[in-house]
Amino acid sequence: MLVGFVQGHQRAAALSVKWLNDTEAVLATIRSLEFPAGEGYAWCAAEATAISAVRSVLVEERGHDCHAIRAAAYWKCGAIAHHENLDD
């Protein structure tokens, strides 16, 4: 049996959800985002080719610390049972 409760939390962050269905739209959105000041952590998961491009944009174009990213490919177009962690 699972028992839980809901507790209210104050939060300063705003959340916006946007459904994107192709890699170029995802990359354009990442390029256009205004990141908050300070350090952050990026958790990313997608198809292998797409997630590699996402990680490149974050690190090479946006200057995000490569050690503060969890980028994982949970599937690969044309492959069976593919899983890959992308890191330096």
Protein backbone atom coordinates (compact mmCIF):
# COMPACT_ATOMS: atom_id res chain seq x y z
CA MET A 1 0.00 0.00 0.00
CA LEU A 2 1.23 3.49 -0.85
CA VAL A 3 0.27 6.27 1.50
CA GLY A 4 1.18 9.85 0.78
CA PHE A 5 0.26 13.40 1.53
CA VAL A 6 0.42 16.70 -0.27
CA GLN A 7 2.31 19.52 1.35
CA GLY A 8 2.30 23.06 0.03
CA HIS A 9 5.65 24.55 -0.94
CA GLN A 10 6.62 28.09 -1.73
CA ARG A 11 8.56 28.34 -4.94
CA ALA A 12 10.14 31.20 -6.79
CA ALA A 13 10.37 29.44 -10.16
CA ALA A 14 7.77 29.64 -12.87
CA LEU A 15 7.02 26.65 -15.06
CA SER A 16 6.18 26.74 -18.71
CA VAL A 17 5.57 23.55 -20.70
CA LYS A 18 5.92 23.52 -24.46
CA TRP A 19 5.47 20.39 -26.61
CA LEU A 20 8.00 20.26 -29.48
CA ASN A 21 7.97 17.45 -31.99
CA ASP A 22 11.20 17.87 -33.93
CA THR A 23 14.87 18.34 -33.06
CA GLU A 24 15.30 21.68 -34.80
CA ALA A 25 12.41 23.18 -32.81
CA VAL A 26 13.95 21.89 -29.57
CA LEU A 27 17.37 23.35 -30.45
CA ALA A 28 15.85 26.70 -31.44
CA THR A 29 13.96 26.83 -28.15
CA ILE A 30 17.09 26.03 -26.11
CA ARG A 31 18.99 28.74 -27.99
CA SER A 32 16.28 31.28 -27.21
CA LEU A 33 15.86 30.49 -23.50
CA GLU A 34 16.88 33.06 -20.93
CA PHE A 35 18.68 31.08 -18.23
CA PRO A 36 18.64 32.35 -14.65
CA ALA A 37 21.87 33.68 -13.20
CA GLY A 38 24.10 31.29 -11.27
CA GLU A 39 24.82 27.61 -11.54
CA GLY A 40 22.28 25.12 -12.77
CA TYR A 41 21.87 21.47 -13.70
CA ALA A 42 20.41 20.15 -16.95
CA TRP A 43 18.73 16.74 -17.15
CA CYS A 44 18.02 15.73 -20.73
CA ALA A 45 16.72 12.57 -22.37
CA ALA A 46 15.73 11.95 -25.97
CA GLU A 47 16.59 10.02 -29.11
CA ALA A 48 20.37 9.57 -29.52
CA THR A 49 20.98 12.01 -32.38
CA ALA A 50 18.71 14.65 -30.86
CA ILE A 51 20.18 14.48 -27.37
CA SER A 52 23.72 14.75 -28.72
CA ALA A 53 22.72 17.98 -30.48
CA VAL A 54 20.97 19.28 -27.34
CA ARG A 55 24.08 18.65 -25.24
CA SER A 56 26.28 20.39 -27.83
CA VAL A 57 24.07 23.48 -27.82
CA LEU A 58 24.06 23.64 -24.03
CA VAL A 59 27.82 23.20 -23.62
CA GLU A 60 29.34 24.72 -26.75
CA GLU A 61 26.87 27.52 -27.52
CA ARG A 62 25.33 28.36 -24.16
CA GLY A 63 28.45 27.75 -22.03
CA HIS A 64 26.78 25.34 -19.60
CA ASP A 65 29.20 23.36 -17.42
CA CYS A 66 29.58 19.93 -19.05
CA HIS A 67 29.77 18.35 -15.58
CA ALA A 68 26.37 19.77 -14.67
CA ILE A 69 24.44 17.90 -17.36
CA ARG A 70 22.86 14.45 -17.40
CA ALA A 71 22.21 13.71 -21.06
CA ALA A 72 20.94 10.25 -21.93
CA ALA A 73 19.80 8.62 -25.15
CA TYR A 74 17.06 6.16 -24.27
CA TRP A 75 16.45 5.10 -27.84
CA LYS A 76 18.04 5.40 -31.28
CA CYS A 77 16.19 5.51 -34.54
CA GLY A 78 16.64 2.13 -36.23
CA ALA A 79 18.23 0.43 -33.20
CA ILE A 80 16.82 -2.00 -30.66
CA ALA A 81 17.41 -1.66 -26.90
CA HIS A 82 19.69 1.36 -27.21
CA HIS A 83 20.80 3.30 -24.13
CA GLU A 84 23.71 5.70 -23.98
CA ASN A 85 24.93 8.30 -21.48
CA LEU A 86 26.58 11.28 -23.13
CA ASP A 87 29.42 12.85 -21.19
CA ASP A 88 32.96 14.08 -21.65
